[in-house]
Amino acid sequence: MGILDVKIVQDYIRMCTDGWKQGWHERNGGNLTYRMRPEEVEQCRLYFRTAGEWVSMGVTGKNLAGEYFLTTGSGKYFRNVALDPAHNIGIVEIDSAGGAWRIVWGLEDGAKPTSEFPSHFMNHSVRAAATEGVYRVIYHAHTPNLIAMTYVLPLTARDFTRALWQSATECPVVFPGGVGVVPWMVPGGADIAVATSELMKQYDAAVWAHHGLFCSGPDFDTTFGLMHTIEKAAQIWVLAQSAGQGKICQTISDDNLRAIAGEFGVTLNEAFLD
């Protein structure tokens, strides 16, 4: 048995492959991180190598000190994860101050965690605090229809949430709190990490203008499902706008949205309703 036989590693690799098959990860686009449970760390520890040097992230999350994360690699391709996991993904340990990482498995031959790791880490910190540790997954993908929406809609949480909720009946059930929106920012640094983490105090998903979508959740299925639902709703919105040349004859009304919420027992963010 090796580390690739450990279920959490297999599940992580499957999610990378699923994202690639959706067409969301051209070249080295997108990234995925997972905060490991203690028992999962122990299942993998036998395969850890001598840890490397600590690398500062430029951000700090004290509530995640000493945690371990599965992460995709910087410059690595999702399409290659299943073919060669050890060179394309890895496990990193966080130091006792919650401000630096070191590699303990994978990311062979000098590879490093995704350049978006600071953004992921800060948002793991926020979501862990907001959910009492339940949320463990952060996923970023280049979802084309949602990206297209960022060129034609005002970059506000209200505009995007309403457009998505009204595009598919399941949307208010899947993300009743709505989605946040981050204006275009240079990726990979502390600024976009901070901006996104502010939104993640409230939302499970944040749109990155002209870039993609950033989702969080308790497990792989929930997080992937959130990404998939939002992107499909965006596709419907783009198709409807294109087919109608901007004219919409009917839609899901606010009263309809409230009726859906009542039927499924979810609480909609009333700030996004008229």
C-alpha atoms as a PDB file:
ATOM      1  CA  MET A   1       0.000   0.000   0.000  1.00  0.00           C
ATOM      2  CA  GLY A   2       1.197   3.537  -0.801  1.00  0.00           C
ATOM      3  CA  ILE A   3      -0.094   7.032  -0.234  1.00  0.00           C
ATOM      4  CA  LEU A   4      -2.082   6.840  -3.480  1.00  0.00           C
ATOM      5  CA  ASP A   5      -4.170   4.086  -1.884  1.00  0.00           C
ATOM      6  CA  VAL A   6      -5.311   6.408   0.912  1.00  0.00           C
ATOM      7  CA  LYS A   7      -8.944   7.325   0.250  1.00  0.00           C
ATOM      8  CA  ILE A   8      -8.627  11.064   0.796  1.00  0.00           C
ATOM      9  CA  VAL A   9      -5.800  11.236  -1.753  1.00  0.00           C
ATOM     10  CA  GLN A  10      -7.859   9.214  -4.233  1.00  0.00           C
ATOM     11  CA  ASP A  11     -10.866  11.502  -3.708  1.00  0.00           C
ATOM     12  CA  TYR A  12      -8.696  14.588  -4.172  1.00  0.00           C
ATOM     13  CA  ILE A  13      -7.279  13.253  -7.431  1.00  0.00           C
ATOM     14  CA  ARG A  14     -10.781  12.407  -8.661  1.00  0.00           C
ATOM     15  CA  MET A  15     -11.954  15.981  -8.095  1.00  0.00           C
ATOM     16  CA  CYS A  16      -8.986  17.333 -10.066  1.00  0.00           C
ATOM     17  CA  THR A  17      -9.867  14.989 -12.917  1.00  0.00           C
ATOM     18  CA  ASP A  18     -13.556  15.927 -12.796  1.00  0.00           C
ATOM     19  CA  GLY A  19     -12.669  19.624 -13.076  1.00  0.00           C
ATOM     20  CA  TRP A  20     -10.385  18.952 -16.038  1.00  0.00           C
ATOM     21  CA  LYS A  21     -13.150  17.008 -17.806  1.00  0.00           C
ATOM     22  CA  GLN A  22     -15.505  19.981 -17.388  1.00  0.00           C
ATOM     23  CA  GLY A  23     -13.067  22.168 -19.334  1.00  0.00           C
ATOM     24  CA  TRP A  24     -12.392  24.491 -16.416  1.00  0.00           C
ATOM     25  CA  HIS A  25      -8.615  24.002 -16.222  1.00  0.00           C
ATOM     26  CA  GLU A  26      -6.854  24.958 -19.426  1.00  0.00           C
ATOM     27  CA  ARG A  27      -3.071  24.659 -19.221  1.00  0.00           C
ATOM     28  CA  ASN A  28      -2.174  25.282 -15.547  1.00  0.00           C
ATOM     29  CA  GLY A  29      -5.408  27.135 -14.736  1.00  0.00           C
ATOM     30  CA  GLY A  30      -7.169  26.665 -11.403  1.00  0.00           C
ATOM     31  CA  ASN A  31      -6.202  25.178  -8.055  1.00  0.00           C
ATOM     32  CA  LEU A  32      -7.574  22.975  -5.273  1.00  0.00           C
ATOM     33  CA  THR A  33      -6.698  22.725  -1.588  1.00  0.00           C
ATOM     34  CA  TYR A  34      -8.043  20.491   1.159  1.00  0.00           C
ATOM     35  CA  ARG A  35      -7.481  20.838   4.916  1.00  0.00           C
ATOM     36  CA  MET A  36      -6.790  17.315   6.116  1.00  0.00           C
ATOM     37  CA  ARG A  37      -8.382  15.653   9.130  1.00  0.00           C
ATOM     38  CA  PRO A  38      -5.963  14.385  11.814  1.00  0.00           C
ATOM     39  CA  GLU A  39      -6.733  10.740  10.999  1.00  0.00           C
ATOM     40  CA  GLU A  40      -6.031  11.393   7.300  1.00  0.00           C
ATOM     41  CA  VAL A  41      -2.693  12.947   8.173  1.00  0.00           C
ATOM     42  CA  GLU A  42      -1.797   9.842  10.178  1.00  0.00           C
ATOM     43  CA  GLN A  43      -2.760   7.579   7.268  1.00  0.00           C
ATOM     44  CA  CYS A  44      -0.330   9.526   5.064  1.00  0.00           C
ATOM     45  CA  ARG A  45       2.458  10.215   7.574  1.00  0.00           C
ATOM     46  CA  LEU A  46       4.302   6.971   6.813  1.00  0.00           C
ATOM     47  CA  TYR A  47       4.984   8.342   3.326  1.00  0.00           C
ATOM     48  CA  PHE A  48       6.171  11.800   4.381  1.00  0.00           C
ATOM     49  CA  ARG A  49       9.725  12.755   3.436  1.00  0.00           C
ATOM     50  CA  THR A  50      12.121  14.893   5.440  1.00  0.00           C
ATOM     51  CA  ALA A  51      10.411  18.277   5.424  1.00  0.00           C
ATOM     52  CA  GLY A  52      11.976  21.159   3.540  1.00  0.00           C
ATOM     53  CA  GLU A  53      12.487  24.750   4.607  1.00  0.00           C
ATOM     54  CA  TRP A  54       9.622  26.880   5.880  1.00  0.00           C
ATOM     55  CA  VAL A  55       8.307  29.346   3.276  1.00  0.00           C
ATOM     56  CA  SER A  56       6.451  32.456   4.424  1.00  0.00           C
ATOM     57  CA  MET A  57       3.028  33.005   2.832  1.00  0.00           C
ATOM     58  CA  GLY A  58       2.783  36.726   3.511  1.00  0.00           C
ATOM     59  CA  VAL A  59      -0.521  36.079   5.314  1.00  0.00           C
ATOM     60  CA  THR A  60      -1.341  34.491   8.673  1.00  0.00           C
ATOM     61  CA  GLY A  61      -4.112  32.230   9.896  1.00  0.00           C
ATOM     62  CA  LYS A  62      -3.406  31.387  13.513  1.00  0.00           C
ATOM     63  CA  ASN A  63      -6.426  29.081  13.757  1.00  0.00           C
ATOM     64  CA  LEU A  64      -4.761  26.812  11.151  1.00  0.00           C
ATOM     65  CA  ALA A  65      -1.366  26.551  12.846  1.00  0.00           C
ATOM     66  CA  GLY A  66      -0.004  23.007  12.587  1.00  0.00           C
ATOM     67  CA  GLU A  67      -2.585  21.898  10.006  1.00  0.00           C
ATOM     68  CA  TYR A  68      -1.818  19.905   6.844  1.00  0.00           C
ATOM     69  CA  PHE A  69      -3.151  20.627   3.349  1.00  0.00           C
ATOM     70  CA  LEU A  70      -3.372  18.752   0.091  1.00  0.00           C
ATOM     71  CA  THR A  71      -2.629  21.220  -2.692  1.00  0.00           C
ATOM     72  CA  THR A  72      -2.123  21.403  -6.416  1.00  0.00           C
ATOM     73  CA  GLY A  73       1.248  22.642  -7.624  1.00  0.00           C
ATOM     74  CA  SER A  74       2.212  25.992  -9.099  1.00  0.00           C
ATOM     75  CA  GLY A  75       2.375  25.775 -12.882  1.00  0.00           C
ATOM     76  CA  LYS A  76       1.007  22.236 -12.848  1.00  0.00           C
ATOM     77  CA  TYR A  77      -1.782  20.958 -15.074  1.00  0.00           C
ATOM     78  CA  PHE A  78      -4.967  19.387 -13.691  1.00  0.00           C
ATOM     79  CA  ARG A  79      -4.941  16.965 -16.635  1.00  0.00           C
ATOM     80  CA  ASN A  80      -1.669  15.479 -15.328  1.00  0.00           C
ATOM     81  CA  VAL A  81      -2.671  14.993 -11.683  1.00  0.00           C
ATOM     82  CA  ALA A  82      -4.008  11.447 -12.122  1.00  0.00           C
ATOM     83  CA  LEU A  83      -1.086  10.496 -14.380  1.00  0.00           C
ATOM     84  CA  ASP A  84       1.684  11.650 -12.033  1.00  0.00           C
ATOM     85  CA  PRO A  85       0.380  12.736  -8.618  1.00  0.00           C
ATOM     86  CA  ALA A  86       3.761  13.065  -6.909  1.00  0.00           C
ATOM     87  CA  HIS A  87       4.918  15.763  -9.334  1.00  0.00           C
ATOM     88  CA  ASN A  88       1.636  17.679  -9.611  1.00  0.00           C
ATOM     89  CA  ILE A  89       0.152  17.714  -6.103  1.00  0.00           C
ATOM     90  CA  GLY A  90       1.531  17.613  -2.593  1.00  0.00           C
ATOM     91  CA  ILE A  91       0.940  17.817   1.127  1.00  0.00           C
ATOM     92  CA  VAL A  92       2.191  20.845   3.039  1.00  0.00           C
ATOM     93  CA  GLU A  93       2.448  21.425   6.777  1.00  0.00           C
ATOM     94  CA  ILE A  94       1.694  24.825   8.330  1.00  0.00           C
ATOM     95  CA  ASP A  95       4.043  26.148  11.012  1.00  0.00           C
ATOM     96  CA  SER A  96       3.151  26.856  14.628  1.00  0.00           C
ATOM     97  CA  ALA A  97       2.517  30.550  13.917  1.00  0.00           C
ATOM     98  CA  GLY A  98       0.143  29.899  10.996  1.00  0.00           C
ATOM     99  CA  GLY A  99       2.225  31.918   8.562  1.00  0.00           C
ATOM    100  CA  ALA A 100       4.466  29.527   6.619  1.00  0.00           C
ATOM    101  CA  TRP A 101       4.343  26.158   4.843  1.00  0.00           C
ATOM    102  CA  ARG A 102       6.774  23.338   4.111  1.00  0.00           C
ATOM    103  CA  ILE A 103       6.349  20.347   1.818  1.00  0.00           C
ATOM    104  CA  VAL A 104       6.138  16.912   3.446  1.00  0.00           C
ATOM    105  CA  TRP A 105       4.981  14.837   0.463  1.00  0.00           C
ATOM    106  CA  GLY A 106       4.768  15.212  -3.323  1.00  0.00           C
ATOM    107  CA  LEU A 107       5.597  18.320  -5.385  1.00  0.00           C
ATOM    108  CA  GLU A 108       8.736  16.494  -6.452  1.00  0.00           C
ATOM    109  CA  ASP A 109      11.767  18.000  -8.215  1.00  0.00           C
ATOM    110  CA  GLY A 110      11.422  21.483  -6.796  1.00  0.00           C
ATOM    111  CA  ALA A 111       7.718  22.059  -7.419  1.00  0.00           C
ATOM    112  CA  LYS A 112       5.839  24.425  -5.109  1.00  0.00           C
ATOM    113  CA  PRO A 113       2.220  24.767  -3.940  1.00  0.00           C
ATOM    114  CA  THR A 114      -0.139  26.720  -6.191  1.00  0.00           C
ATOM    115  CA  SER A 115       0.683  30.409  -6.487  1.00  0.00           C
ATOM    116  CA  GLU A 116      -2.814  31.034  -5.112  1.00  0.00           C
ATOM    117  CA  PHE A 117      -1.994  29.219  -1.871  1.00  0.00           C
ATOM    118  CA  PRO A 118      -2.058  32.450   0.203  1.00  0.00           C
ATOM    119  CA  SER A 119      -5.599  33.144  -1.065  1.00  0.00           C
ATOM    120  CA  HIS A 120      -6.657  29.586  -0.334  1.00  0.00           C
ATOM    121  CA  PHE A 121      -5.067  29.628   3.112  1.00  0.00           C
ATOM    122  CA  MET A 122      -6.686  32.881   4.221  1.00  0.00           C
ATOM    123  CA  ASN A 123     -10.048  31.659   3.009  1.00  0.00           C
ATOM    124  CA  HIS A 124      -9.618  28.306   4.743  1.00  0.00           C
ATOM    125  CA  SER A 125      -8.952  30.302   7.905  1.00  0.00           C
ATOM    126  CA  VAL A 126     -12.096  32.400   7.464  1.00  0.00           C
ATOM    127  CA  ARG A 127     -14.364  29.501   6.487  1.00  0.00           C
ATOM    128  CA  ALA A 128     -13.047  27.280   9.295  1.00  0.00           C
ATOM    129  CA  ALA A 129     -13.806  30.034  11.798  1.00  0.00           C
ATOM    130  CA  ALA A 130     -17.254  30.718  10.320  1.00  0.00           C
ATOM    131  CA  THR A 131     -18.276  27.043  10.254  1.00  0.00           C
ATOM    132  CA  GLU A 132     -16.597  25.810  13.449  1.00  0.00           C
ATOM    133  CA  GLY A 133     -14.112  23.820  11.392  1.00  0.00           C
ATOM    134  CA  VAL A 134     -16.648  22.077   9.150  1.00  0.00           C
ATOM    135  CA  TYR A 135     -15.470  23.587   5.838  1.00  0.00           C
ATOM    136  CA  ARG A 136     -12.291  21.969   4.486  1.00  0.00           C
ATOM    137  CA  VAL A 137     -12.217  22.541   0.717  1.00  0.00           C
ATOM    138  CA  ILE A 138     -11.287  25.600  -1.342  1.00  0.00           C
ATOM    139  CA  TYR A 139     -11.584  25.292  -5.124  1.00  0.00           C
ATOM    140  CA  HIS A 140     -10.759  27.795  -7.857  1.00  0.00           C
ATOM    141  CA  ALA A 141     -11.629  27.163 -11.505  1.00  0.00           C
ATOM    142  CA  HIS A 142     -11.799  29.112 -14.754  1.00  0.00           C
ATOM    143  CA  THR A 143     -15.521  28.745 -15.470  1.00  0.00           C
ATOM    144  CA  PRO A 144     -16.036  30.319 -18.921  1.00  0.00           C
ATOM    145  CA  ASN A 145     -19.690  31.333 -18.801  1.00  0.00           C
ATOM    146  CA  LEU A 146     -19.346  32.987 -15.419  1.00  0.00           C
ATOM    147  CA  ILE A 147     -16.253  34.817 -16.650  1.00  0.00           C
ATOM    148  CA  ALA A 148     -18.287  36.038 -19.635  1.00  0.00           C
ATOM    149  CA  MET A 149     -20.906  37.444 -17.242  1.00  0.00           C
ATOM    150  CA  THR A 150     -18.257  39.611 -15.562  1.00  0.00           C
ATOM    151  CA  TYR A 151     -17.886  41.607 -18.793  1.00  0.00           C
ATOM    152  CA  VAL A 152     -21.535  42.590 -19.061  1.00  0.00           C
ATOM    153  CA  LEU A 153     -23.029  42.712 -15.547  1.00  0.00           C
ATOM    154  CA  PRO A 154     -22.220  45.266 -12.840  1.00  0.00           C
ATOM    155  CA  LEU A 155     -19.669  43.706 -10.511  1.00  0.00           C
ATOM    156  CA  THR A 156     -21.915  43.551  -7.460  1.00  0.00           C
ATOM    157  CA  ALA A 157     -23.019  40.622  -5.332  1.00  0.00           C
ATOM    158  CA  ARG A 158     -26.655  41.608  -5.836  1.00  0.00           C
ATOM    159  CA  ASP A 159     -26.501  41.691  -9.638  1.00  0.00           C
ATOM    160  CA  PHE A 160     -24.710  38.361  -9.909  1.00  0.00           C
ATOM    161  CA  THR A 161     -26.760  36.593  -7.262  1.00  0.00           C
ATOM    162  CA  ARG A 162     -30.071  37.649  -8.798  1.00  0.00           C
ATOM    163  CA  ALA A 163     -28.969  36.690 -12.308  1.00  0.00           C
ATOM    164  CA  LEU A 164     -27.851  33.244 -11.146  1.00  0.00           C
ATOM    165  CA  TRP A 165     -30.833  32.583  -8.865  1.00  0.00           C
ATOM    166  CA  GLN A 166     -33.200  33.446 -11.713  1.00  0.00           C
ATOM    167  CA  SER A 167     -31.357  31.266 -14.237  1.00  0.00           C
ATOM    168  CA  ALA A 168     -32.040  27.850 -12.665  1.00  0.00           C
ATOM    169  CA  THR A 169     -34.589  26.788 -10.063  1.00  0.00           C
ATOM    170  CA  GLU A 170     -32.086  24.857  -7.936  1.00  0.00           C
ATOM    171  CA  CYS A 171     -29.760  27.845  -7.468  1.00  0.00           C
ATOM    172  CA  PRO A 172     -31.487  29.474  -4.468  1.00  0.00           C
ATOM    173  CA  VAL A 173     -31.438  26.076  -2.761  1.00  0.00           C
ATOM    174  CA  VAL A 174     -27.752  25.385  -3.472  1.00  0.00           C
ATOM    175  CA  PHE A 175     -26.453  28.849  -2.540  1.00  0.00           C
ATOM    176  CA  PRO A 176     -29.203  30.692  -0.623  1.00  0.00           C
ATOM    177  CA  GLY A 177     -26.698  33.187   0.770  1.00  0.00           C
ATOM    178  CA  GLY A 178     -25.775  34.371  -2.707  1.00  0.00           C
ATOM    179  CA  VAL A 179     -22.328  34.932  -4.197  1.00  0.00           C
ATOM    180  CA  GLY A 180     -19.767  37.631  -3.572  1.00  0.00           C
ATOM    181  CA  VAL A 181     -17.843  39.475  -6.302  1.00  0.00           C
ATOM    182  CA  VAL A 182     -14.186  40.510  -6.286  1.00  0.00           C
ATOM    183  CA  PRO A 183     -13.231  43.161  -8.869  1.00  0.00           C
ATOM    184  CA  TRP A 184     -10.312  42.324 -11.117  1.00  0.00           C
ATOM    185  CA  MET A 185      -7.067  42.037  -9.139  1.00  0.00           C
ATOM    186  CA  VAL A 186      -3.628  40.624  -9.846  1.00  0.00           C
ATOM    187  CA  PRO A 187      -3.817  36.925  -8.864  1.00  0.00           C
ATOM    188  CA  GLY A 188      -1.515  35.126  -6.485  1.00  0.00           C
ATOM    189  CA  GLY A 189      -0.783  37.813  -3.918  1.00  0.00           C
ATOM    190  CA  ALA A 190      -1.901  38.949  -0.493  1.00  0.00           C
ATOM    191  CA  ASP A 191      -4.260  41.667  -1.809  1.00  0.00           C
ATOM    192  CA  ILE A 192      -6.620  39.309  -3.611  1.00  0.00           C
ATOM    193  CA  ALA A 193      -6.354  36.901  -0.676  1.00  0.00           C
ATOM    194  CA  VAL A 194      -7.557  39.571   1.749  1.00  0.00           C
ATOM    195  CA  ALA A 195     -10.316  40.826  -0.565  1.00  0.00           C
ATOM    196  CA  THR A 196     -11.668  37.319  -1.100  1.00  0.00           C
ATOM    197  CA  SER A 197     -11.461  36.379   2.565  1.00  0.00           C
ATOM    198  CA  GLU A 198     -13.585  39.393   3.476  1.00  0.00           C
ATOM    199  CA  LEU A 199     -16.332  38.075   1.188  1.00  0.00           C
ATOM    200  CA  MET A 200     -15.899  34.522   2.432  1.00  0.00           C
ATOM    201  CA  LYS A 201     -16.934  35.632   5.893  1.00  0.00           C
ATOM    202  CA  GLN A 202     -20.432  35.734   4.379  1.00  0.00           C
ATOM    203  CA  TYR A 203     -20.464  33.680   1.171  1.00  0.00           C
ATOM    204  CA  ASP A 204     -19.554  30.134   0.108  1.00  0.00           C
ATOM    205  CA  ALA A 205     -18.558  31.381  -3.354  1.00  0.00           C
ATOM    206  CA  ALA A 206     -16.895  34.464  -4.788  1.00  0.00           C
ATOM    207  CA  VAL A 207     -16.687  35.530  -8.418  1.00  0.00           C
ATOM    208  CA  TRP A 208     -13.248  36.752  -9.519  1.00  0.00           C
ATOM    209  CA  ALA A 209     -13.942  39.279 -12.286  1.00  0.00           C
ATOM    210  CA  HIS A 210     -12.521  38.257 -15.683  1.00  0.00           C
ATOM    211  CA  HIS A 211     -10.836  35.290 -13.992  1.00  0.00           C
ATOM    212  CA  GLY A 212     -13.139  32.620 -12.586  1.00  0.00           C
ATOM    213  CA  LEU A 213     -14.890  31.337  -9.489  1.00  0.00           C
ATOM    214  CA  PHE A 214     -13.715  30.605  -5.940  1.00  0.00           C
ATOM    215  CA  CYS A 215     -15.788  28.107  -3.919  1.00  0.00           C
ATOM    216  CA  SER A 216     -15.641  26.584  -0.453  1.00  0.00           C
ATOM    217  CA  GLY A 217     -17.383  23.662   1.200  1.00  0.00           C
ATOM    218  CA  PRO A 218     -17.177  20.867   3.775  1.00  0.00           C
ATOM    219  CA  ASP A 219     -16.209  18.142   1.294  1.00  0.00           C
ATOM    220  CA  PHE A 220     -15.336  17.530  -2.342  1.00  0.00           C
ATOM    221  CA  ASP A 221     -18.842  16.649  -3.535  1.00  0.00           C
ATOM    222  CA  THR A 222     -20.471  19.730  -2.014  1.00  0.00           C
ATOM    223  CA  THR A 223     -17.791  22.107  -3.255  1.00  0.00           C
ATOM    224  CA  PHE A 224     -17.650  20.663  -6.756  1.00  0.00           C
ATOM    225  CA  GLY A 225     -21.449  20.686  -6.863  1.00  0.00           C
ATOM    226  CA  LEU A 226     -21.502  24.373  -5.940  1.00  0.00           C
ATOM    227  CA  MET A 227     -19.003  25.213  -8.682  1.00  0.00           C
ATOM    228  CA  HIS A 228     -20.931  23.104 -11.193  1.00  0.00           C
ATOM    229  CA  THR A 229     -24.312  24.617 -10.300  1.00  0.00           C
ATOM    230  CA  ILE A 230     -23.087  28.214 -10.535  1.00  0.00           C
ATOM    231  CA  GLU A 231     -21.347  27.645 -13.866  1.00  0.00           C
ATOM    232  CA  LYS A 232     -24.390  25.871 -15.346  1.00  0.00           C
ATOM    233  CA  ALA A 233     -26.626  28.751 -14.245  1.00  0.00           C
ATOM    234  CA  ALA A 234     -24.158  31.156 -15.851  1.00  0.00           C
ATOM    235  CA  GLN A 235     -24.323  29.147 -19.060  1.00  0.00           C
ATOM    236  CA  ILE A 236     -28.119  29.342 -19.058  1.00  0.00           C
ATOM    237  CA  TRP A 237     -27.939  33.108 -18.448  1.00  0.00           C
ATOM    238  CA  VAL A 238     -25.507  33.601 -21.338  1.00  0.00           C
ATOM    239  CA  LEU A 239     -27.617  31.429 -23.669  1.00  0.00           C
ATOM    240  CA  ALA A 240     -30.828  33.235 -22.738  1.00  0.00           C
ATOM    241  CA  GLN A 241     -29.275  36.661 -23.182  1.00  0.00           C
ATOM    242  CA  SER A 242     -27.810  35.633 -26.534  1.00  0.00           C
ATOM    243  CA  ALA A 243     -30.982  33.969 -27.831  1.00  0.00           C
ATOM    244  CA  GLY A 244     -33.165  36.892 -26.763  1.00  0.00           C
ATOM    245  CA  GLN A 245     -30.635  39.536 -27.804  1.00  0.00           C
ATOM    246  CA  GLY A 246     -30.862  40.929 -24.286  1.00  0.00           C
ATOM    247  CA  LYS A 247     -34.643  40.737 -24.081  1.00  0.00           C
ATOM    248  CA  ILE A 248     -36.096  38.368 -21.460  1.00  0.00           C
ATOM    249  CA  CYS A 249     -39.833  37.667 -21.703  1.00  0.00           C
ATOM    250  CA  GLN A 250     -40.212  35.845 -18.372  1.00  0.00           C
ATOM    251  CA  THR A 251     -38.095  34.772 -15.427  1.00  0.00           C
ATOM    252  CA  ILE A 252     -38.254  33.373 -11.901  1.00  0.00           C
ATOM    253  CA  SER A 253     -39.823  36.151  -9.827  1.00  0.00           C
ATOM    254  CA  ASP A 254     -38.844  37.168  -6.316  1.00  0.00           C
ATOM    255  CA  ASP A 255     -42.054  35.603  -5.025  1.00  0.00           C
ATOM    256  CA  ASN A 256     -41.098  32.404  -6.856  1.00  0.00           C
ATOM    257  CA  LEU A 257     -37.680  32.501  -5.195  1.00  0.00           C
ATOM    258  CA  ARG A 258     -39.281  32.892  -1.765  1.00  0.00           C
ATOM    259  CA  ALA A 259     -41.616  29.983  -2.525  1.00  0.00           C
ATOM    260  CA  ILE A 260     -38.641  27.781  -3.445  1.00  0.00           C
ATOM    261  CA  ALA A 261     -36.886  28.727  -0.218  1.00  0.00           C
ATOM    262  CA  GLY A 262     -39.976  27.907   1.822  1.00  0.00           C
ATOM    263  CA  GLU A 263     -40.445  24.543   0.149  1.00  0.00           C
ATOM    264  CA  PHE A 264     -36.834  23.487   0.671  1.00  0.00           C
ATOM    265  CA  GLY A 265     -36.329  25.021   4.099  1.00  0.00           C
ATOM    266  CA  VAL A 266     -33.515  27.426   3.222  1.00  0.00           C
ATOM    267  CA  THR A 267     -33.157  31.094   4.143  1.00  0.00           C
ATOM    268  CA  LEU A 268     -32.505  33.429   1.230  1.00  0.00           C
ATOM    269  CA  ASN A 269     -30.399  36.531   1.579  1.00  0.00           C
ATOM    270  CA  GLU A 270     -33.201  39.099   1.529  1.00  0.00           C
ATOM    271  CA  ALA A 271     -30.759  41.860   0.575  1.00  0.00           C
ATOM    272  CA  PHE A 272     -30.848  40.426  -2.932  1.00  0.00           C
ATOM    273  CA  LEU A 273     -34.652  40.411  -3.239  1.00  0.00           C
ATOM    274  CA  ASP A 274     -37.021  43.252  -4.073  1.00  0.00           C
END
